[in-house]
């Protein structure tokens, strides 16, 4: 899970390199600083892609292992039920219900651990960096930040 936060960190520091490149272009500062800023942007983009590839593979592997473990524990528990329950039960329907429940649980945990948490870390880091750069512009950006979510909620109805 900690590794899934790394792309958020690289995404949050990317604007610092962009600022450096823009400052060099507008205020001057030499070709060397511009090249370093551009190389920094390329390094961030390459490292983010590498980290995303690794984390996607780890997410898939972890999710598969948890799925197998949950299915195994569920089947083991079903085998421990009294025989009279098994005779009266619709096994196919129970297995379908259990599989859907496990899938829903895995989807919720995956979404929380691998999407919501990194997004929250990115938001906090970006806000801190924005306030360090210019607190007035940061306030304006944060005031309007919830607007797309509000529009999406309104449109989803």
N, C-alpha and C. Protein backbone atom coordinates (compact mmCIF):
# COMPACT_ATOMS: atom_id res chain seq x y z
N UNK A 1 0.83 -1.20 0.00
CA UNK A 1 0.00 0.00 0.00
C UNK A 1 0.86 1.25 0.00
N UNK A 2 2.00 1.20 0.71
CA UNK A 2 2.87 2.36 0.72
C UNK A 2 3.40 2.67 -0.68
N UNK A 3 3.67 1.63 -1.44
CA UNK A 3 4.17 1.84 -2.80
C UNK A 3 3.11 2.50 -3.69
N UNK A 4 1.83 2.27 -3.41
CA UNK A 4 0.79 2.90 -4.22
C UNK A 4 0.73 4.41 -3.99
N UNK A 5 1.32 4.89 -2.89
CA UNK A 5 1.35 6.33 -2.63
C UNK A 5 2.45 7.03 -3.42
N UNK A 6 3.45 6.29 -3.88
CA UNK A 6 4.58 6.89 -4.58
C UNK A 6 4.17 7.65 -5.85
N UNK A 7 3.30 7.12 -6.71
CA UNK A 7 2.89 7.93 -7.87
C UNK A 7 2.20 9.24 -7.47
N UNK A 8 1.50 9.23 -6.34
CA UNK A 8 0.88 10.46 -5.86
C UNK A 8 1.94 11.49 -5.48
N UNK A 9 3.00 11.01 -4.86
CA UNK A 9 4.09 11.90 -4.47
C UNK A 9 4.76 12.49 -5.71
N UNK A 10 5.03 11.65 -6.71
CA UNK A 10 5.66 12.17 -7.93
C UNK A 10 4.73 13.14 -8.65
N UNK A 11 3.44 12.87 -8.62
CA UNK A 11 2.48 13.79 -9.24
C UNK A 11 2.42 15.13 -8.52
N UNK A 12 2.60 15.10 -7.21
CA UNK A 12 2.52 16.33 -6.44
C UNK A 12 3.76 17.21 -6.61
N UNK A 13 4.92 16.60 -6.84
CA UNK A 13 6.13 17.42 -6.99
C UNK A 13 6.39 17.85 -8.43
N UNK A 14 5.65 17.29 -9.36
CA UNK A 14 5.81 17.65 -10.77
C UNK A 14 5.63 19.15 -11.02
N UNK A 15 4.64 19.81 -10.40
CA UNK A 15 4.49 21.25 -10.64
C UNK A 15 5.71 22.08 -10.22
N UNK A 16 6.49 21.58 -9.27
CA UNK A 16 7.69 22.32 -8.87
C UNK A 16 8.69 22.41 -10.02
N UNK A 17 8.84 21.32 -10.75
CA UNK A 17 9.73 21.32 -11.91
C UNK A 17 9.16 22.17 -13.04
N UNK A 18 7.83 22.12 -13.20
CA UNK A 18 7.19 22.98 -14.21
C UNK A 18 7.39 24.45 -13.87
N UNK A 19 7.25 24.79 -12.60
CA UNK A 19 7.47 26.17 -12.16
C UNK A 19 8.89 26.61 -12.47
N UNK A 20 9.84 25.73 -12.19
CA UNK A 20 11.24 26.06 -12.45
C UNK A 20 11.46 26.31 -13.94
N UNK A 21 10.89 25.47 -14.79
CA UNK A 21 11.04 25.64 -16.24
C UNK A 21 10.38 26.93 -16.70
N UNK A 22 9.19 27.23 -16.21
CA UNK A 22 8.49 28.46 -16.62
C UNK A 22 9.23 29.69 -16.11
N UNK A 23 9.75 29.61 -14.88
CA UNK A 23 10.51 30.73 -14.34
C UNK A 23 11.75 31.00 -15.18
N UNK A 24 12.43 29.96 -15.62
CA UNK A 24 13.62 30.13 -16.45
C UNK A 24 13.24 30.77 -17.78
N UNK A 25 12.11 30.34 -18.35
CA UNK A 25 11.69 30.90 -19.64
C UNK A 25 11.25 32.36 -19.53
N UNK A 26 10.59 32.71 -18.44
CA UNK A 26 10.08 34.08 -18.32
C UNK A 26 11.09 35.05 -17.74
N UNK A 27 11.91 34.59 -16.81
CA UNK A 27 12.85 35.49 -16.13
C UNK A 27 14.27 35.31 -16.61
N UNK A 28 14.52 34.31 -17.39
CA UNK A 28 15.89 34.01 -17.80
C UNK A 28 16.56 33.21 -16.69
N UNK A 29 17.68 32.69 -16.97
CA UNK A 29 18.37 31.91 -15.96
C UNK A 29 19.29 30.90 -16.58
N UNK A 30 19.30 30.89 -17.85
CA UNK A 30 20.24 30.02 -18.51
C UNK A 30 19.64 28.73 -19.02
N UNK A 31 20.31 28.25 -20.03
CA UNK A 31 19.88 27.02 -20.67
C UNK A 31 20.07 25.82 -19.75
N UNK A 32 21.07 25.86 -18.91
CA UNK A 32 21.36 24.73 -18.01
C UNK A 32 20.19 24.48 -17.05
N UNK A 33 19.63 25.54 -16.48
CA UNK A 33 18.50 25.38 -15.55
C UNK A 33 17.28 24.85 -16.28
N UNK A 34 17.07 25.32 -17.50
CA UNK A 34 15.93 24.85 -18.28
C UNK A 34 16.07 23.37 -18.61
N UNK A 35 17.26 22.96 -19.02
CA UNK A 35 17.50 21.55 -19.34
C UNK A 35 17.31 20.69 -18.09
N UNK A 36 17.79 21.15 -16.93
CA UNK A 36 17.62 20.40 -15.69
C UNK A 36 16.15 20.25 -15.32
N UNK A 37 15.39 21.33 -15.51
CA UNK A 37 13.96 21.27 -15.21
C UNK A 37 13.24 20.29 -16.14
N UNK A 38 13.58 20.32 -17.41
CA UNK A 38 12.95 19.41 -18.38
C UNK A 38 13.36 17.97 -18.10
N UNK A 39 14.63 17.76 -17.78
CA UNK A 39 15.08 16.40 -17.42
C UNK A 39 14.38 15.92 -16.15
N UNK A 40 14.18 16.83 -15.21
CA UNK A 40 13.44 16.47 -14.00
C UNK A 40 12.02 16.04 -14.31
N UNK A 41 11.37 16.76 -15.24
CA UNK A 41 10.01 16.39 -15.65
C UNK A 41 9.98 15.01 -16.31
N UNK A 42 10.96 14.76 -17.18
CA UNK A 42 11.03 13.43 -17.81
C UNK A 42 11.29 12.35 -16.77
N UNK A 43 12.18 12.62 -15.82
CA UNK A 43 12.47 11.63 -14.77
C UNK A 43 11.24 11.34 -13.93
N UNK A 44 10.48 12.38 -13.60
CA UNK A 44 9.26 12.20 -12.81
C UNK A 44 8.24 11.37 -13.60
N UNK A 45 8.07 11.70 -14.88
CA UNK A 45 7.11 10.97 -15.71
C UNK A 45 7.51 9.50 -15.85
N UNK A 46 8.80 9.25 -16.08
CA UNK A 46 9.27 7.87 -16.23
C UNK A 46 9.13 7.10 -14.91
N UNK A 47 9.49 7.74 -13.81
CA UNK A 47 9.39 7.04 -12.53
C UNK A 47 7.93 6.79 -12.15
N UNK A 48 7.05 7.73 -12.47
CA UNK A 48 5.63 7.53 -12.18
C UNK A 48 5.08 6.35 -12.98
N UNK A 49 5.45 6.25 -14.26
CA UNK A 49 4.97 5.13 -15.08
C UNK A 49 5.52 3.80 -14.57
N UNK A 50 6.79 3.78 -14.18
CA UNK A 50 7.37 2.56 -13.63
C UNK A 50 6.68 2.17 -12.33
N UNK A 51 6.48 3.16 -11.46
CA UNK A 51 5.81 2.89 -10.19
C UNK A 51 4.37 2.42 -10.40
N UNK A 52 3.68 3.01 -11.35
CA UNK A 52 2.30 2.60 -11.64
C UNK A 52 2.27 1.16 -12.16
N UNK A 53 3.23 0.79 -12.99
CA UNK A 53 3.29 -0.58 -13.49
C UNK A 53 3.52 -1.57 -12.35
N UNK A 54 4.47 -1.24 -11.49
CA UNK A 54 4.76 -2.12 -10.36
C UNK A 54 3.57 -2.21 -9.41
N UNK A 55 2.97 -1.07 -9.09
CA UNK A 55 1.84 -1.11 -8.16
C UNK A 55 0.63 -1.81 -8.75
N UNK A 56 0.40 -1.66 -10.05
CA UNK A 56 -0.71 -2.38 -10.68
C UNK A 56 -0.50 -3.89 -10.60
N UNK A 57 0.73 -4.33 -10.84
CA UNK A 57 1.02 -5.75 -10.72
C UNK A 57 0.84 -6.22 -9.28
N UNK A 58 1.33 -5.44 -8.31
CA UNK A 58 1.18 -5.82 -6.90
C UNK A 58 -0.29 -5.82 -6.47
N UNK A 59 -1.06 -4.85 -6.96
CA UNK A 59 -2.50 -4.82 -6.64
C UNK A 59 -3.18 -6.08 -7.16
N UNK A 60 -2.88 -6.44 -8.41
CA UNK A 60 -3.48 -7.62 -9.01
C UNK A 60 -3.11 -8.86 -8.22
N UNK A 61 -1.84 -8.99 -7.87
CA UNK A 61 -1.36 -10.16 -7.13
C UNK A 61 -1.99 -10.23 -5.74
N UNK A 62 -2.04 -9.11 -5.06
CA UNK A 62 -2.63 -9.07 -3.72
C UNK A 62 -4.11 -9.39 -3.78
N UNK A 63 -4.80 -8.78 -4.72
CA UNK A 63 -6.24 -9.02 -4.85
C UNK A 63 -6.53 -10.49 -5.14
N UNK A 64 -5.74 -11.10 -6.01
CA UNK A 64 -5.92 -12.51 -6.34
C UNK A 64 -5.68 -13.40 -5.12
N UNK A 65 -4.63 -13.10 -4.37
CA UNK A 65 -4.34 -13.89 -3.17
C UNK A 65 -5.45 -13.78 -2.14
N UNK A 66 -5.92 -12.55 -1.92
CA UNK A 66 -7.00 -12.36 -0.95
C UNK A 66 -8.26 -13.08 -1.41
N UNK A 67 -8.54 -13.02 -2.71
CA UNK A 67 -9.71 -13.70 -3.27
C UNK A 67 -9.63 -15.20 -3.03
N UNK A 68 -8.48 -15.78 -3.31
CA UNK A 68 -8.31 -17.23 -3.12
C UNK A 68 -8.45 -17.59 -1.64
N UNK A 69 -7.86 -16.78 -0.77
CA UNK A 69 -7.94 -17.05 0.67
C UNK A 69 -9.39 -16.96 1.17
N UNK A 70 -10.10 -15.93 0.72
CA UNK A 70 -11.50 -15.78 1.14
C UNK A 70 -12.37 -16.93 0.63
N UNK A 71 -12.16 -17.32 -0.62
CA UNK A 71 -12.92 -18.44 -1.17
C UNK A 71 -12.60 -19.73 -0.41
N UNK A 72 -11.32 -19.95 -0.12
CA UNK A 72 -10.94 -21.15 0.62
C UNK A 72 -11.55 -21.18 2.00
N UNK A 73 -11.52 -20.05 2.71
CA UNK A 73 -12.11 -19.99 4.05
C UNK A 73 -13.62 -20.19 3.99
N UNK A 74 -14.25 -19.66 2.95
CA UNK A 74 -15.70 -19.79 2.81
C UNK A 74 -16.09 -21.24 2.53
N UNK A 75 -15.37 -21.88 1.62
CA UNK A 75 -15.67 -23.28 1.30
C UNK A 75 -15.41 -24.16 2.52
N UNK A 76 -14.34 -23.88 3.23
CA UNK A 76 -14.05 -24.66 4.45
C UNK A 76 -15.17 -24.50 5.47
N UNK A 77 -15.67 -23.31 5.59
CA UNK A 77 -16.77 -23.08 6.54
C UNK A 77 -18.05 -23.78 6.09
N UNK A 78 -18.29 -23.77 4.77
CA UNK A 78 -19.47 -24.46 4.25
C UNK A 78 -19.38 -25.97 4.49
N UNK A 79 -18.19 -26.50 4.36
CA UNK A 79 -18.01 -27.94 4.60
C UNK A 79 -18.20 -28.30 6.06
N UNK A 80 -18.07 -27.33 6.95
CA UNK A 80 -18.23 -27.59 8.37
C UNK A 80 -19.67 -27.52 8.84
N UNK A 81 -20.57 -27.15 7.95
CA UNK A 81 -21.99 -27.08 8.33
C UNK A 81 -22.57 -28.47 8.51
N UNK A 82 -23.62 -28.57 9.27
CA UNK A 82 -24.28 -29.87 9.42
C UNK A 82 -24.82 -30.36 8.08
N UNK A 83 -24.83 -31.65 7.91
CA UNK A 83 -25.28 -32.26 6.67
C UNK A 83 -26.74 -31.93 6.36
N UNK A 84 -27.55 -31.79 7.39
CA UNK A 84 -28.97 -31.47 7.17
C UNK A 84 -29.12 -30.08 6.52
N UNK A 85 -28.26 -29.14 6.90
CA UNK A 85 -28.31 -27.81 6.26
C UNK A 85 -27.93 -27.90 4.79
N UNK A 86 -26.93 -28.71 4.49
CA UNK A 86 -26.47 -28.84 3.11
C UNK A 86 -27.53 -29.51 2.24
N UNK A 87 -28.26 -30.45 2.80
CA UNK A 87 -29.30 -31.13 2.02
C UNK A 87 -30.46 -30.20 1.68
N UNK A 88 -30.76 -29.28 2.58
CA UNK A 88 -31.88 -28.37 2.37
C UNK A 88 -31.49 -27.10 1.62
N UNK A 89 -30.23 -26.91 1.38
CA UNK A 89 -29.77 -25.65 0.77
C UNK A 89 -29.68 -25.76 -0.74
N UNK A 90 -29.80 -24.62 -1.38
CA UNK A 90 -29.57 -24.51 -2.81
C UNK A 90 -28.10 -24.09 -2.98
N UNK A 91 -27.23 -25.06 -3.18
CA UNK A 91 -25.78 -24.84 -3.16
C UNK A 91 -25.36 -23.84 -4.24
N UNK A 92 -25.90 -23.97 -5.42
CA UNK A 92 -25.53 -23.06 -6.51
C UNK A 92 -25.85 -21.61 -6.17
N UNK A 93 -27.04 -21.39 -5.63
CA UNK A 93 -27.44 -20.03 -5.27
C UNK A 93 -26.56 -19.50 -4.14
N UNK A 94 -26.23 -20.35 -3.17
CA UNK A 94 -25.37 -19.91 -2.07
C UNK A 94 -23.97 -19.57 -2.56
N UNK A 95 -23.43 -20.38 -3.45
CA UNK A 95 -22.09 -20.12 -3.98
C UNK A 95 -22.07 -18.83 -4.80
N UNK A 96 -23.12 -18.61 -5.59
CA UNK A 96 -23.20 -17.38 -6.36
C UNK A 96 -23.27 -16.17 -5.44
N UNK A 97 -24.09 -16.26 -4.41
CA UNK A 97 -24.21 -15.17 -3.44
C UNK A 97 -22.89 -14.91 -2.73
N UNK A 98 -22.21 -15.98 -2.33
CA UNK A 98 -20.91 -15.82 -1.67
C UNK A 98 -19.87 -15.22 -2.61
N UNK A 99 -19.83 -15.67 -3.85
CA UNK A 99 -18.87 -15.14 -4.81
C UNK A 99 -19.11 -13.65 -5.07
N UNK A 100 -20.37 -13.28 -5.21
CA UNK A 100 -20.69 -11.86 -5.42
C UNK A 100 -20.32 -11.04 -4.19
N UNK A 101 -20.56 -11.59 -3.01
CA UNK A 101 -20.19 -10.89 -1.78
C UNK A 101 -18.69 -10.69 -1.67
N UNK A 102 -17.94 -11.72 -2.02
CA UNK A 102 -16.48 -11.62 -1.97
C UNK A 102 -15.99 -10.61 -3.00
N UNK A 103 -16.54 -10.64 -4.21
CA UNK A 103 -16.15 -9.68 -5.24
C UNK A 103 -16.45 -8.24 -4.81
N UNK A 104 -17.62 -8.04 -4.22
CA UNK A 104 -18.00 -6.70 -3.76
C UNK A 104 -17.06 -6.23 -2.66
N UNK A 105 -16.73 -7.12 -1.73
CA UNK A 105 -15.80 -6.79 -0.66
C UNK A 105 -14.43 -6.42 -1.23
N UNK A 106 -13.93 -7.24 -2.16
CA UNK A 106 -12.63 -6.97 -2.77
C UNK A 106 -12.63 -5.66 -3.54
N UNK A 107 -13.71 -5.38 -4.27
CA UNK A 107 -13.81 -4.12 -5.00
C UNK A 107 -13.77 -2.92 -4.05
N UNK A 108 -14.50 -3.02 -2.95
CA UNK A 108 -14.55 -1.91 -1.99
C UNK A 108 -13.18 -1.69 -1.35
N UNK A 109 -12.55 -2.76 -0.92
CA UNK A 109 -11.23 -2.64 -0.28
C UNK A 109 -10.20 -2.13 -1.28
N UNK A 110 -10.23 -2.65 -2.50
CA UNK A 110 -9.28 -2.21 -3.54
C UNK A 110 -9.46 -0.74 -3.85
N UNK A 111 -10.70 -0.33 -4.00
CA UNK A 111 -10.98 1.08 -4.31
C UNK A 111 -10.49 1.99 -3.19
N UNK A 112 -10.75 1.60 -1.97
CA UNK A 112 -10.33 2.40 -0.83
C UNK A 112 -8.81 2.46 -0.71
N UNK A 113 -8.18 1.30 -0.75
CA UNK A 113 -6.73 1.24 -0.52
C UNK A 113 -5.92 1.74 -1.69
N UNK A 114 -6.37 1.49 -2.91
CA UNK A 114 -5.53 1.79 -4.06
C UNK A 114 -5.99 2.98 -4.89
N UNK A 115 -7.12 3.57 -4.56
CA UNK A 115 -7.58 4.76 -5.30
C UNK A 115 -7.85 5.93 -4.37
N UNK A 116 -8.68 5.71 -3.36
CA UNK A 116 -9.08 6.82 -2.49
C UNK A 116 -7.91 7.31 -1.64
N UNK A 117 -7.18 6.40 -1.02
CA UNK A 117 -6.06 6.79 -0.17
C UNK A 117 -4.97 7.53 -0.96
N UNK A 118 -4.50 7.01 -2.11
CA UNK A 118 -3.51 7.78 -2.87
C UNK A 118 -4.04 9.13 -3.35
N UNK A 119 -5.31 9.21 -3.70
CA UNK A 119 -5.88 10.49 -4.12
C UNK A 119 -5.89 11.50 -2.97
N UNK A 120 -6.21 11.02 -1.78
CA UNK A 120 -6.21 11.91 -0.61
C UNK A 120 -4.79 12.39 -0.29
N UNK A 121 -3.82 11.49 -0.39
CA UNK A 121 -2.42 11.89 -0.16
C UNK A 121 -1.99 12.92 -1.19
N UNK A 122 -2.35 12.69 -2.45
CA UNK A 122 -2.02 13.65 -3.51
C UNK A 122 -2.65 15.01 -3.23
N UNK A 123 -3.91 15.02 -2.83
CA UNK A 123 -4.60 16.28 -2.56
C UNK A 123 -3.92 17.05 -1.44
N UNK A 124 -3.57 16.36 -0.36
CA UNK A 124 -2.92 17.02 0.77
C UNK A 124 -1.55 17.57 0.36
N UNK A 125 -0.76 16.73 -0.32
CA UNK A 125 0.57 17.18 -0.74
C UNK A 125 0.48 18.35 -1.72
N UNK A 126 -0.44 18.27 -2.66
CA UNK A 126 -0.60 19.35 -3.64
C UNK A 126 -1.03 20.64 -2.95
N UNK A 127 -1.94 20.53 -1.98
CA UNK A 127 -2.39 21.72 -1.26
C UNK A 127 -1.23 22.35 -0.48
N UNK A 128 -0.44 21.53 0.18
CA UNK A 128 0.71 22.06 0.93
C UNK A 128 1.69 22.76 -0.01
N UNK A 129 2.00 22.12 -1.13
CA UNK A 129 2.93 22.74 -2.09
C UNK A 129 2.35 24.01 -2.70
N UNK A 130 1.04 24.01 -2.98
CA UNK A 130 0.42 25.21 -3.54
C UNK A 130 0.48 26.37 -2.54
N UNK A 131 0.20 26.09 -1.29
CA UNK A 131 0.23 27.15 -0.28
C UNK A 131 1.64 27.68 -0.08
N UNK A 132 2.64 26.84 -0.25
CA UNK A 132 4.02 27.31 -0.15
C UNK A 132 4.38 28.22 -1.32
N UNK A 133 3.79 27.97 -2.47
CA UNK A 133 4.09 28.79 -3.65
C UNK A 133 3.35 30.12 -3.59
N UNK A 134 2.04 30.08 -3.40
CA UNK A 134 1.23 31.31 -3.35
C UNK A 134 -0.08 30.99 -2.65
N UNK A 135 -0.25 31.48 -1.44
CA UNK A 135 -1.42 31.12 -0.64
C UNK A 135 -2.72 31.69 -1.21
N UNK A 136 -2.65 32.87 -1.85
CA UNK A 136 -3.88 33.48 -2.40
C UNK A 136 -4.41 32.67 -3.58
N UNK A 137 -3.52 32.31 -4.49
CA UNK A 137 -3.93 31.50 -5.64
C UNK A 137 -4.40 30.11 -5.18
N UNK A 138 -3.78 29.60 -4.13
CA UNK A 138 -4.18 28.29 -3.58
C UNK A 138 -5.59 28.33 -3.03
N UNK A 139 -5.94 29.41 -2.35
CA UNK A 139 -7.31 29.55 -1.83
C UNK A 139 -8.32 29.56 -2.96
N UNK A 140 -8.01 30.28 -4.02
CA UNK A 140 -8.92 30.33 -5.17
C UNK A 140 -9.08 28.93 -5.77
N UNK A 141 -7.96 28.22 -5.93
CA UNK A 141 -8.02 26.87 -6.51
C UNK A 141 -8.82 25.92 -5.61
N UNK A 142 -8.62 26.00 -4.30
CA UNK A 142 -9.32 25.09 -3.39
C UNK A 142 -10.81 25.42 -3.26
N UNK A 143 -11.17 26.69 -3.44
CA UNK A 143 -12.58 27.05 -3.41
C UNK A 143 -13.32 26.40 -4.58
N UNK A 144 -12.67 26.38 -5.75
CA UNK A 144 -13.31 25.82 -6.93
C UNK A 144 -13.05 24.33 -7.13
N UNK A 145 -12.19 23.73 -6.33
CA UNK A 145 -11.85 22.30 -6.47
C UNK A 145 -13.06 21.37 -6.36
N UNK A 146 -14.01 21.62 -5.43
CA UNK A 146 -15.16 20.70 -5.33
C UNK A 146 -16.18 20.86 -6.46
N UNK A 147 -16.05 21.88 -7.28
CA UNK A 147 -17.03 22.15 -8.32
C UNK A 147 -17.24 20.97 -9.28
N UNK A 148 -16.19 20.33 -9.82
CA UNK A 148 -16.44 19.17 -10.71
C UNK A 148 -17.20 18.04 -10.01
N UNK A 149 -16.89 17.79 -8.74
CA UNK A 149 -17.59 16.73 -8.01
C UNK A 149 -19.07 17.09 -7.82
N UNK A 150 -19.34 18.34 -7.53
CA UNK A 150 -20.73 18.78 -7.36
C UNK A 150 -21.50 18.67 -8.68
N UNK A 151 -20.86 19.04 -9.78
CA UNK A 151 -21.51 18.93 -11.10
C UNK A 151 -21.77 17.45 -11.42
N UNK A 152 -20.80 16.59 -11.11
CA UNK A 152 -20.97 15.15 -11.36
C UNK A 152 -22.11 14.58 -10.52
N UNK A 153 -22.20 15.00 -9.27
CA UNK A 153 -23.30 14.52 -8.42
C UNK A 153 -24.64 14.97 -8.98
N UNK A 154 -24.71 16.22 -9.42
CA UNK A 154 -25.95 16.75 -9.96
C UNK A 154 -26.31 16.02 -11.26
N UNK A 155 -25.31 15.79 -12.12
CA UNK A 155 -25.55 15.12 -13.40
C UNK A 155 -25.91 13.65 -13.22
N UNK A 156 -25.39 13.03 -12.15
CA UNK A 156 -25.63 11.60 -11.94
C UNK A 156 -27.07 11.31 -11.58
N UNK A 157 -27.78 12.28 -11.04
CA UNK A 157 -29.19 12.07 -10.70
C UNK A 157 -29.98 11.81 -11.95
